[in-house]
Amino acid sequence: MSQSDDNKDDTGRDDIGAALNPGAILGSWWNATRTIAAVFARPGLEFAGCAPARPGSGEIARAARGFPVVGAVLGLASALVIVLADGLGLPMVLSAILAVALSAYLGGTLGESGLARSADAIIGGGTKADVLAAMRRRSHGTYGIIVIVTAFGLKAAALATLAGPGAAAAALIAAMAASYAVIPVLLHYINPVREAGLAAEAGRPQFDEMVLATALGAAAALLFLGPWTGLIALAVGAAGALKFAWLAKRCIGGVTGAVLGAAQQGAEIGVLLAVAALA
């Protein structure tokens, strides 16, 4: 065997060793989660004084596995509000409202704002240019306000109908993890409409990275909801996300940051409504 062959064997063993190194694995997951949190969970990090630098072009796609992790952490933080409020003797409906409000704040209202802007743009109609212009506006119109208030109410009502704070907390964690996992799917399969903006800067995740994120989000739902409820909730949540993806593809031919947020909200609402219906 030649010296070059020996060097190739050594390099291969080094690569395998690095891939199986627990420290390297944890480090890659930490970096991915940190990258996603820098955009999709920034307010909480800024409040804590530890917000990382915003990711550069394509970094979000390379860190797609971090989406369900960030969603689960946001869900956990919001679920703690339900448990604490229940311990203080507050009614379940107030606990649910506080939890939904906190999840919106910690997520920077990116999903909620995207839902409102998508509603204004798609329901308002017009040419492709009109729809895109409406999605870029920071102020929300009548359609957007009605839709976002309805969405907030649906989430809070669904949580309030569940049998106690434990069930509500589990449902919220599952819904957040699963709904954030739909974002890499849209980024992988649907091209961004514009050359600038969140969807374009995020990049297109590799197939295996997208599958890993999706599997992790689904696993979280099955873990916290159980197999049958989890499967049905995932199906309803997927339908909620795909509805916005289909509308965006039909109206503007691709996705924007607003569409990503709307799809996340559609999935989250779908999961919570399914859990409430099956409770």
C-alpha atoms as a PDB file:
ATOM      1  CA  MET A   1       0.000   0.000   0.000  1.00  0.00           C
ATOM      2  CA  SER A   2       1.316   3.421  -0.925  1.00  0.00           C
ATOM      3  CA  GLN A   3       1.929   6.304   1.437  1.00  0.00           C
ATOM      4  CA  SER A   4      -0.979   8.239  -0.146  1.00  0.00           C
ATOM      5  CA  ASP A   5      -3.341   5.332   0.574  1.00  0.00           C
ATOM      6  CA  ASP A   6      -2.208   5.285   4.200  1.00  0.00           C
ATOM      7  CA  ASN A   7      -2.844   9.025   4.446  1.00  0.00           C
ATOM      8  CA  LYS A   8      -6.343   8.587   2.996  1.00  0.00           C
ATOM      9  CA  ASP A   9      -7.113   5.835   5.518  1.00  0.00           C
ATOM     10  CA  ASP A  10      -5.891   8.026   8.387  1.00  0.00           C
ATOM     11  CA  THR A  11      -7.974  10.954   7.139  1.00  0.00           C
ATOM     12  CA  GLY A  12     -11.063   8.749   6.853  1.00  0.00           C
ATOM     13  CA  ARG A  13     -10.597   7.447  10.386  1.00  0.00           C
ATOM     14  CA  ASP A  14     -10.157  11.000  11.643  1.00  0.00           C
ATOM     15  CA  ASP A  15     -13.380  12.099   9.917  1.00  0.00           C
ATOM     16  CA  ILE A  16     -15.310   9.160  11.390  1.00  0.00           C
ATOM     17  CA  GLY A  17     -13.878   9.834  14.820  1.00  0.00           C
ATOM     18  CA  ALA A  18     -14.843  13.484  14.636  1.00  0.00           C
ATOM     19  CA  ALA A  19     -18.353  12.578  13.502  1.00  0.00           C
ATOM     20  CA  LEU A  20     -18.796  10.190  16.443  1.00  0.00           C
ATOM     21  CA  ASN A  21     -17.234  12.488  19.014  1.00  0.00           C
ATOM     22  CA  PRO A  22     -19.919  13.424  21.587  1.00  0.00           C
ATOM     23  CA  GLY A  23     -18.386  16.842  22.115  1.00  0.00           C
ATOM     24  CA  ALA A  24     -18.423  17.570  18.390  1.00  0.00           C
ATOM     25  CA  ILE A  25     -22.028  16.373  18.073  1.00  0.00           C
ATOM     26  CA  LEU A  26     -23.217  18.515  20.970  1.00  0.00           C
ATOM     27  CA  GLY A  27     -21.225  21.442  19.630  1.00  0.00           C
ATOM     28  CA  SER A  28     -22.861  21.196  16.210  1.00  0.00           C
ATOM     29  CA  TRP A  29     -26.332  21.078  17.763  1.00  0.00           C
ATOM     30  CA  TRP A  30     -25.523  23.993  20.049  1.00  0.00           C
ATOM     31  CA  ASN A  31     -24.246  26.093  17.156  1.00  0.00           C
ATOM     32  CA  ALA A  32     -27.292  25.259  15.042  1.00  0.00           C
ATOM     33  CA  THR A  33     -29.704  26.128  17.847  1.00  0.00           C
ATOM     34  CA  ARG A  34     -27.827  29.343  18.586  1.00  0.00           C
ATOM     35  CA  THR A  35     -27.979  30.380  14.937  1.00  0.00           C
ATOM     36  CA  ILE A  36     -31.737  29.861  14.703  1.00  0.00           C
ATOM     37  CA  ALA A  37     -32.362  31.510  18.068  1.00  0.00           C
ATOM     38  CA  ALA A  38     -30.418  34.581  16.947  1.00  0.00           C
ATOM     39  CA  VAL A  39     -33.312  35.350  14.569  1.00  0.00           C
ATOM     40  CA  PHE A  40     -36.369  33.453  15.791  1.00  0.00           C
ATOM     41  CA  ALA A  41     -35.944  33.922  19.552  1.00  0.00           C
ATOM     42  CA  ARG A  42     -34.028  37.183  19.680  1.00  0.00           C
ATOM     43  CA  PRO A  43     -36.134  39.241  22.157  1.00  0.00           C
ATOM     44  CA  GLY A  44     -35.633  36.764  24.980  1.00  0.00           C
ATOM     45  CA  LEU A  45     -31.914  36.579  24.322  1.00  0.00           C
ATOM     46  CA  GLU A  46     -31.616  40.359  24.197  1.00  0.00           C
ATOM     47  CA  PHE A  47     -33.522  40.633  27.473  1.00  0.00           C
ATOM     48  CA  ALA A  48     -31.046  38.183  29.008  1.00  0.00           C
ATOM     49  CA  GLY A  49     -28.144  40.124  27.509  1.00  0.00           C
ATOM     50  CA  CYS A  50     -26.758  37.200  25.520  1.00  0.00           C
ATOM     51  CA  ALA A  51     -28.065  37.700  21.990  1.00  0.00           C
ATOM     52  CA  PRO A  52     -25.577  36.367  19.400  1.00  0.00           C
ATOM     53  CA  ALA A  53     -24.768  38.109  16.153  1.00  0.00           C
ATOM     54  CA  ARG A  54     -27.328  37.718  13.413  1.00  0.00           C
ATOM     55  CA  PRO A  55     -26.468  34.883  11.017  1.00  0.00           C
ATOM     56  CA  GLY A  56     -25.099  35.611   7.583  1.00  0.00           C
ATOM     57  CA  SER A  57     -26.460  34.507   4.248  1.00  0.00           C
ATOM     58  CA  GLY A  58     -27.066  30.745   4.102  1.00  0.00           C
ATOM     59  CA  GLU A  59     -26.265  30.100   7.769  1.00  0.00           C
ATOM     60  CA  ILE A  60     -29.895  29.489   8.727  1.00  0.00           C
ATOM     61  CA  ALA A  61     -30.185  26.748   6.106  1.00  0.00           C
ATOM     62  CA  ARG A  62     -27.052  25.038   7.391  1.00  0.00           C
ATOM     63  CA  ALA A  63     -28.455  25.199  10.936  1.00  0.00           C
ATOM     64  CA  ALA A  64     -31.976  23.991  10.054  1.00  0.00           C
ATOM     65  CA  ARG A  65     -31.858  21.219  12.664  1.00  0.00           C
ATOM     66  CA  GLY A  66     -32.055  23.951  15.286  1.00  0.00           C
ATOM     67  CA  PHE A  67     -35.604  25.009  14.341  1.00  0.00           C
ATOM     68  CA  PRO A  68     -37.510  22.376  16.364  1.00  0.00           C
ATOM     69  CA  VAL A  69     -35.096  22.799  19.272  1.00  0.00           C
ATOM     70  CA  VAL A  70     -35.775  26.539  19.421  1.00  0.00           C
ATOM     71  CA  GLY A  71     -39.500  25.880  19.094  1.00  0.00           C
ATOM     72  CA  ALA A  72     -39.419  23.375  21.948  1.00  0.00           C
ATOM     73  CA  VAL A  73     -37.476  25.778  24.189  1.00  0.00           C
ATOM     74  CA  LEU A  74     -39.926  28.596  23.462  1.00  0.00           C
ATOM     75  CA  GLY A  75     -42.782  26.209  24.165  1.00  0.00           C
ATOM     76  CA  LEU A  76     -41.176  25.097  27.423  1.00  0.00           C
ATOM     77  CA  ALA A  77     -40.682  28.672  28.612  1.00  0.00           C
ATOM     78  CA  SER A  78     -44.305  29.495  27.793  1.00  0.00           C
ATOM     79  CA  ALA A  79     -45.533  26.257  29.371  1.00  0.00           C
ATOM     80  CA  LEU A  80     -43.850  27.223  32.641  1.00  0.00           C
ATOM     81  CA  VAL A  81     -46.167  30.244  32.738  1.00  0.00           C
ATOM     82  CA  ILE A  82     -49.170  27.908  32.649  1.00  0.00           C
ATOM     83  CA  VAL A  83     -47.805  25.871  35.529  1.00  0.00           C
ATOM     84  CA  LEU A  84     -46.845  28.917  37.605  1.00  0.00           C
ATOM     85  CA  ALA A  85     -50.148  30.673  36.956  1.00  0.00           C
ATOM     86  CA  ASP A  86     -52.038  27.562  37.973  1.00  0.00           C
ATOM     87  CA  GLY A  87     -49.986  27.408  41.166  1.00  0.00           C
ATOM     88  CA  LEU A  88     -51.074  30.963  41.923  1.00  0.00           C
ATOM     89  CA  GLY A  89     -54.687  29.940  41.535  1.00  0.00           C
ATOM     90  CA  LEU A  90     -55.385  31.756  38.272  1.00  0.00           C
ATOM     91  CA  PRO A  91     -58.122  30.353  36.025  1.00  0.00           C
ATOM     92  CA  MET A  92     -56.924  28.173  33.174  1.00  0.00           C
ATOM     93  CA  VAL A  93     -58.091  30.636  30.548  1.00  0.00           C
ATOM     94  CA  LEU A  94     -55.903  33.394  32.016  1.00  0.00           C
ATOM     95  CA  SER A  95     -52.950  31.009  32.233  1.00  0.00           C
ATOM     96  CA  ALA A  96     -53.408  30.133  28.568  1.00  0.00           C
ATOM     97  CA  ILE A  97     -53.620  33.772  27.506  1.00  0.00           C
ATOM     98  CA  LEU A  98     -50.422  34.618  29.384  1.00  0.00           C
ATOM     99  CA  ALA A  99     -48.611  31.628  27.886  1.00  0.00           C
ATOM    100  CA  VAL A 100     -49.637  32.482  24.311  1.00  0.00           C
ATOM    101  CA  ALA A 101     -48.628  36.112  24.839  1.00  0.00           C
ATOM    102  CA  LEU A 102     -45.221  35.089  26.183  1.00  0.00           C
ATOM    103  CA  SER A 103     -44.588  32.709  23.273  1.00  0.00           C
ATOM    104  CA  ALA A 104     -45.340  35.545  20.856  1.00  0.00           C
ATOM    105  CA  TYR A 105     -42.954  37.883  22.656  1.00  0.00           C
ATOM    106  CA  LEU A 106     -40.117  35.375  22.955  1.00  0.00           C
ATOM    107  CA  GLY A 107     -40.425  34.545  19.262  1.00  0.00           C
ATOM    108  CA  GLY A 108     -40.222  38.200  18.325  1.00  0.00           C
ATOM    109  CA  THR A 109     -43.783  37.990  16.922  1.00  0.00           C
ATOM    110  CA  LEU A 110     -42.189  36.862  13.663  1.00  0.00           C
ATOM    111  CA  GLY A 111     -44.845  34.218  13.151  1.00  0.00           C
ATOM    112  CA  GLU A 112     -47.719  36.434  14.229  1.00  0.00           C
ATOM    113  CA  SER A 113     -46.549  39.364  12.118  1.00  0.00           C
ATOM    114  CA  GLY A 114     -46.030  37.070   9.132  1.00  0.00           C
ATOM    115  CA  LEU A 115     -49.543  35.699   9.545  1.00  0.00           C
ATOM    116  CA  ALA A 116     -51.056  39.180   9.683  1.00  0.00           C
ATOM    117  CA  ARG A 117     -49.099  40.456   6.696  1.00  0.00           C
ATOM    118  CA  SER A 118     -49.892  37.339   4.671  1.00  0.00           C
ATOM    119  CA  ALA A 119     -53.592  37.740   5.457  1.00  0.00           C
ATOM    120  CA  ASP A 120     -53.556  41.394   4.402  1.00  0.00           C
ATOM    121  CA  ALA A 121     -51.717  40.556   1.180  1.00  0.00           C
ATOM    122  CA  ILE A 122     -53.510  37.383   0.108  1.00  0.00           C
ATOM    123  CA  ILE A 123     -57.043  38.330   1.133  1.00  0.00           C
ATOM    124  CA  GLY A 124     -56.566  41.850  -0.191  1.00  0.00           C
ATOM    125  CA  GLY A 125     -55.562  40.372  -3.537  1.00  0.00           C
ATOM    126  CA  GLY A 126     -54.307  42.255  -6.557  1.00  0.00           C
ATOM    127  CA  THR A 127     -51.325  41.639  -8.787  1.00  0.00           C
ATOM    128  CA  LYS A 128     -48.214  39.814  -7.677  1.00  0.00           C
ATOM    129  CA  ALA A 129     -46.535  43.173  -7.110  1.00  0.00           C
ATOM    130  CA  ASP A 130     -49.469  44.308  -4.958  1.00  0.00           C
ATOM    131  CA  VAL A 131     -49.335  41.180  -2.823  1.00  0.00           C
ATOM    132  CA  LEU A 132     -45.581  41.457  -2.307  1.00  0.00           C
ATOM    133  CA  ALA A 133     -45.882  45.135  -1.424  1.00  0.00           C
ATOM    134  CA  ALA A 134     -48.538  44.323   1.172  1.00  0.00           C
ATOM    135  CA  MET A 135     -46.302  41.634   2.673  1.00  0.00           C
ATOM    136  CA  ARG A 136     -43.488  44.149   3.067  1.00  0.00           C
ATOM    137  CA  ARG A 137     -45.594  46.660   4.996  1.00  0.00           C
ATOM    138  CA  ARG A 138     -44.900  46.728   8.706  1.00  0.00           C
ATOM    139  CA  SER A 139     -48.311  48.096   9.609  1.00  0.00           C
ATOM    140  CA  HIS A 140     -51.240  45.681   9.595  1.00  0.00           C
ATOM    141  CA  GLY A 141     -54.558  46.246   7.883  1.00  0.00           C
ATOM    142  CA  THR A 142     -58.049  45.157   8.884  1.00  0.00           C
ATOM    143  CA  TYR A 143     -57.682  41.621   7.519  1.00  0.00           C
ATOM    144  CA  GLY A 144     -54.388  41.111   9.293  1.00  0.00           C
ATOM    145  CA  ILE A 145     -55.688  42.367  12.630  1.00  0.00           C
ATOM    146  CA  ILE A 146     -58.783  40.174  12.468  1.00  0.00           C
ATOM    147  CA  VAL A 147     -56.745  37.101  11.557  1.00  0.00           C
ATOM    148  CA  ILE A 148     -54.111  37.627  14.249  1.00  0.00           C
ATOM    149  CA  VAL A 149     -56.724  38.233  16.967  1.00  0.00           C
ATOM    150  CA  THR A 150     -58.556  35.102  15.837  1.00  0.00           C
ATOM    151  CA  ALA A 151     -55.334  33.093  15.863  1.00  0.00           C
ATOM    152  CA  PHE A 152     -54.446  34.299  19.367  1.00  0.00           C
ATOM    153  CA  GLY A 153     -57.926  33.420  20.589  1.00  0.00           C
ATOM    154  CA  LEU A 154     -57.877  29.967  19.008  1.00  0.00           C
ATOM    155  CA  LYS A 155     -54.562  29.081  20.636  1.00  0.00           C
ATOM    156  CA  ALA A 156     -55.583  30.335  24.070  1.00  0.00           C
ATOM    157  CA  ALA A 157     -59.004  28.678  23.866  1.00  0.00           C
ATOM    158  CA  ALA A 158     -57.519  25.359  22.773  1.00  0.00           C
ATOM    159  CA  LEU A 159     -55.093  25.346  25.711  1.00  0.00           C
ATOM    160  CA  ALA A 160     -57.804  26.399  28.166  1.00  0.00           C
ATOM    161  CA  THR A 161     -60.006  23.439  27.237  1.00  0.00           C
ATOM    162  CA  LEU A 162     -57.371  20.846  28.145  1.00  0.00           C
ATOM    163  CA  ALA A 163     -57.537  18.890  31.385  1.00  0.00           C
ATOM    164  CA  GLY A 164     -55.121  20.798  33.562  1.00  0.00           C
ATOM    165  CA  PRO A 165     -51.809  22.635  33.316  1.00  0.00           C
ATOM    166  CA  GLY A 166     -49.790  19.504  32.592  1.00  0.00           C
ATOM    167  CA  ALA A 167     -51.760  18.633  29.475  1.00  0.00           C
ATOM    168  CA  ALA A 168     -51.716  22.255  28.310  1.00  0.00           C
ATOM    169  CA  ALA A 169     -47.970  22.527  28.850  1.00  0.00           C
ATOM    170  CA  ALA A 170     -47.311  19.313  26.912  1.00  0.00           C
ATOM    171  CA  ALA A 171     -49.540  20.469  24.045  1.00  0.00           C
ATOM    172  CA  LEU A 172     -47.812  23.841  23.825  1.00  0.00           C
ATOM    173  CA  ILE A 173     -44.312  22.340  23.741  1.00  0.00           C
ATOM    174  CA  ALA A 174     -45.361  19.835  21.073  1.00  0.00           C
ATOM    175  CA  ALA A 175     -47.091  22.491  18.967  1.00  0.00           C
ATOM    176  CA  MET A 176     -44.141  24.870  19.086  1.00  0.00           C
ATOM    177  CA  ALA A 177     -41.533  22.215  18.266  1.00  0.00           C
ATOM    178  CA  ALA A 178     -43.556  20.734  15.406  1.00  0.00           C
ATOM    179  CA  SER A 179     -44.565  24.094  13.931  1.00  0.00           C
ATOM    180  CA  TYR A 180     -41.028  25.453  13.838  1.00  0.00           C
ATOM    181  CA  ALA A 181     -39.950  22.283  12.032  1.00  0.00           C
ATOM    182  CA  VAL A 182     -42.112  23.186   9.024  1.00  0.00           C
ATOM    183  CA  ILE A 183     -39.953  26.212   8.190  1.00  0.00           C
ATOM    184  CA  PRO A 184     -37.010  24.158   6.816  1.00  0.00           C
ATOM    185  CA  VAL A 185     -39.467  22.168   4.698  1.00  0.00           C
ATOM    186  CA  LEU A 186     -40.765  25.302   2.988  1.00  0.00           C
ATOM    187  CA  LEU A 187     -37.246  26.663   2.559  1.00  0.00           C
ATOM    188  CA  HIS A 188     -36.130  23.409   0.935  1.00  0.00           C
ATOM    189  CA  TYR A 189     -39.017  22.864  -1.474  1.00  0.00           C
ATOM    190  CA  ILE A 190     -40.176  26.394  -2.388  1.00  0.00           C
ATOM    191  CA  ASN A 191     -37.919  29.088  -3.776  1.00  0.00           C
ATOM    192  CA  PRO A 192     -37.948  32.580  -2.286  1.00  0.00           C
ATOM    193  CA  VAL A 193     -39.763  35.201  -4.344  1.00  0.00           C
ATOM    194  CA  ARG A 194     -37.340  38.038  -3.689  1.00  0.00           C
ATOM    195  CA  GLU A 195     -33.551  38.182  -3.787  1.00  0.00           C
ATOM    196  CA  ALA A 196     -33.507  39.909  -0.399  1.00  0.00           C
ATOM    197  CA  GLY A 197     -35.349  39.343   2.857  1.00  0.00           C
ATOM    198  CA  LEU A 198     -35.458  36.546   5.418  1.00  0.00           C
ATOM    199  CA  ALA A 199     -36.425  33.703   3.081  1.00  0.00           C
ATOM    200  CA  ALA A 200     -33.697  34.578   0.572  1.00  0.00           C
ATOM    201  CA  GLU A 201     -30.998  35.153   3.194  1.00  0.00           C
ATOM    202  CA  ALA A 202     -31.871  31.930   5.003  1.00  0.00           C
ATOM    203  CA  GLY A 203     -30.859  29.798   2.034  1.00  0.00           C
ATOM    204  CA  ARG A 204     -32.033  26.341   1.027  1.00  0.00           C
ATOM    205  CA  PRO A 205     -31.397  23.575   3.597  1.00  0.00           C
ATOM    206  CA  GLN A 206     -29.857  20.347   2.399  1.00  0.00           C
ATOM    207  CA  PHE A 207     -32.295  17.431   2.199  1.00  0.00           C
ATOM    208  CA  ASP A 208     -30.776  15.536   5.124  1.00  0.00           C
ATOM    209  CA  GLU A 209     -30.785  18.659   7.303  1.00  0.00           C
ATOM    210  CA  MET A 210     -34.440  19.280   6.445  1.00  0.00           C
ATOM    211  CA  VAL A 211     -35.364  15.660   7.208  1.00  0.00           C
ATOM    212  CA  LEU A 212     -33.525  15.805  10.526  1.00  0.00           C
ATOM    213  CA  ALA A 213     -35.423  18.948  11.557  1.00  0.00           C
ATOM    214  CA  THR A 214     -38.756  17.467  10.499  1.00  0.00           C
ATOM    215  CA  ALA A 215     -38.098  14.192  12.291  1.00  0.00           C
ATOM    216  CA  LEU A 216     -37.127  15.966  15.487  1.00  0.00           C
ATOM    217  CA  GLY A 217     -40.257  18.135  15.436  1.00  0.00           C
ATOM    218  CA  ALA A 218     -42.439  15.075  14.819  1.00  0.00           C
ATOM    219  CA  ALA A 219     -40.671  13.136  17.570  1.00  0.00           C
ATOM    220  CA  ALA A 220     -41.346  15.940  20.048  1.00  0.00           C
ATOM    221  CA  ALA A 221     -45.047  15.888  19.189  1.00  0.00           C
ATOM    222  CA  LEU A 222     -45.265  12.116  19.585  1.00  0.00           C
ATOM    223  CA  LEU A 223     -43.343  12.242  22.857  1.00  0.00           C
ATOM    224  CA  PHE A 224     -45.505  14.911  24.498  1.00  0.00           C
ATOM    225  CA  LEU A 225     -48.862  13.962  22.997  1.00  0.00           C
ATOM    226  CA  GLY A 226     -48.665  10.198  22.666  1.00  0.00           C
ATOM    227  CA  PRO A 227     -48.684   8.206  19.417  1.00  0.00           C
ATOM    228  CA  TRP A 228     -52.295   8.515  18.236  1.00  0.00           C
ATOM    229  CA  THR A 229     -52.983  12.067  19.329  1.00  0.00           C
ATOM    230  CA  GLY A 230     -49.519  13.038  18.115  1.00  0.00           C
ATOM    231  CA  LEU A 231     -50.031  11.573  14.642  1.00  0.00           C
ATOM    232  CA  ILE A 232     -53.414  13.229  14.174  1.00  0.00           C
ATOM    233  CA  ALA A 233     -52.119  16.550  15.516  1.00  0.00           C
ATOM    234  CA  LEU A 234     -49.130  16.397  13.168  1.00  0.00           C
ATOM    235  CA  ALA A 235     -51.411  15.737  10.187  1.00  0.00           C
ATOM    236  CA  VAL A 236     -53.669  18.683  11.054  1.00  0.00           C
ATOM    237  CA  GLY A 237     -50.659  20.902  11.732  1.00  0.00           C
ATOM    238  CA  ALA A 238     -49.092  19.956   8.406  1.00  0.00           C
ATOM    239  CA  ALA A 239     -52.348  20.818   6.648  1.00  0.00           C
ATOM    240  CA  GLY A 240     -52.348  24.208   8.358  1.00  0.00           C
ATOM    241  CA  ALA A 241     -48.824  24.946   7.156  1.00  0.00           C
ATOM    242  CA  LEU A 242     -49.324  23.590   3.645  1.00  0.00           C
ATOM    243  CA  LYS A 243     -52.400  25.762   3.192  1.00  0.00           C
ATOM    244  CA  PHE A 244     -50.257  28.893   3.433  1.00  0.00           C
ATOM    245  CA  ALA A 245     -47.532  27.368   1.278  1.00  0.00           C
ATOM    246  CA  TRP A 246     -50.075  26.590  -1.435  1.00  0.00           C
ATOM    247  CA  LEU A 247     -51.618  30.068  -1.268  1.00  0.00           C
ATOM    248  CA  ALA A 248     -48.200  31.705  -1.496  1.00  0.00           C
ATOM    249  CA  LYS A 249     -47.154  29.513  -4.411  1.00  0.00           C
ATOM    250  CA  ARG A 250     -50.373  30.345  -6.241  1.00  0.00           C
ATOM    251  CA  CYS A 251     -50.419  34.087  -5.508  1.00  0.00           C
ATOM    252  CA  ILE A 252     -46.753  35.088  -5.679  1.00  0.00           C
ATOM    253  CA  GLY A 253     -44.919  32.008  -6.922  1.00  0.00           C
ATOM    254  CA  GLY A 254     -42.782  31.354  -3.856  1.00  0.00           C
ATOM    255  CA  VAL A 255     -42.161  32.151  -0.211  1.00  0.00           C
ATOM    256  CA  THR A 256     -41.194  35.216   1.770  1.00  0.00           C
ATOM    257  CA  GLY A 257     -40.360  35.691   5.428  1.00  0.00           C
ATOM    258  CA  ALA A 258     -44.014  36.548   6.037  1.00  0.00           C
ATOM    259  CA  VAL A 259     -45.136  33.279   4.455  1.00  0.00           C
ATOM    260  CA  LEU A 260     -42.712  31.318   6.651  1.00  0.00           C
ATOM    261  CA  GLY A 261     -44.225  32.962   9.718  1.00  0.00           C
ATOM    262  CA  ALA A 262     -47.770  32.304   8.535  1.00  0.00           C
ATOM    263  CA  ALA A 263     -46.986  28.631   7.897  1.00  0.00           C
ATOM    264  CA  GLN A 264     -45.490  28.266  11.374  1.00  0.00           C
ATOM    265  CA  GLN A 265     -48.613  29.792  12.901  1.00  0.00           C
ATOM    266  CA  GLY A 266     -50.870  27.602  10.777  1.00  0.00           C
ATOM    267  CA  ALA A 267     -49.063  24.487  11.979  1.00  0.00           C
ATOM    268  CA  GLU A 268     -49.090  25.585  15.625  1.00  0.00           C
ATOM    269  CA  ILE A 269     -52.810  26.368  15.581  1.00  0.00           C
ATOM    270  CA  GLY A 270     -53.559  23.118  13.786  1.00  0.00           C
ATOM    271  CA  VAL A 271     -51.734  21.022  16.371  1.00  0.00           C
ATOM    272  CA  LEU A 272     -53.398  22.789  19.323  1.00  0.00           C
ATOM    273  CA  LEU A 273     -56.887  22.527  17.807  1.00  0.00           C
ATOM    274  CA  ALA A 274     -56.395  18.834  17.089  1.00  0.00           C
ATOM    275  CA  VAL A 275     -55.250  18.165  20.652  1.00  0.00           C
ATOM    276  CA  ALA A 276     -58.203  20.100  22.051  1.00  0.00           C
ATOM    277  CA  ALA A 277     -60.643  18.203  19.815  1.00  0.00           C
ATOM    278  CA  LEU A 278     -59.236  14.841  20.908  1.00  0.00           C
ATOM    279  CA  ALA A 279     -59.033  15.678  24.618  1.00  0.00           C
END
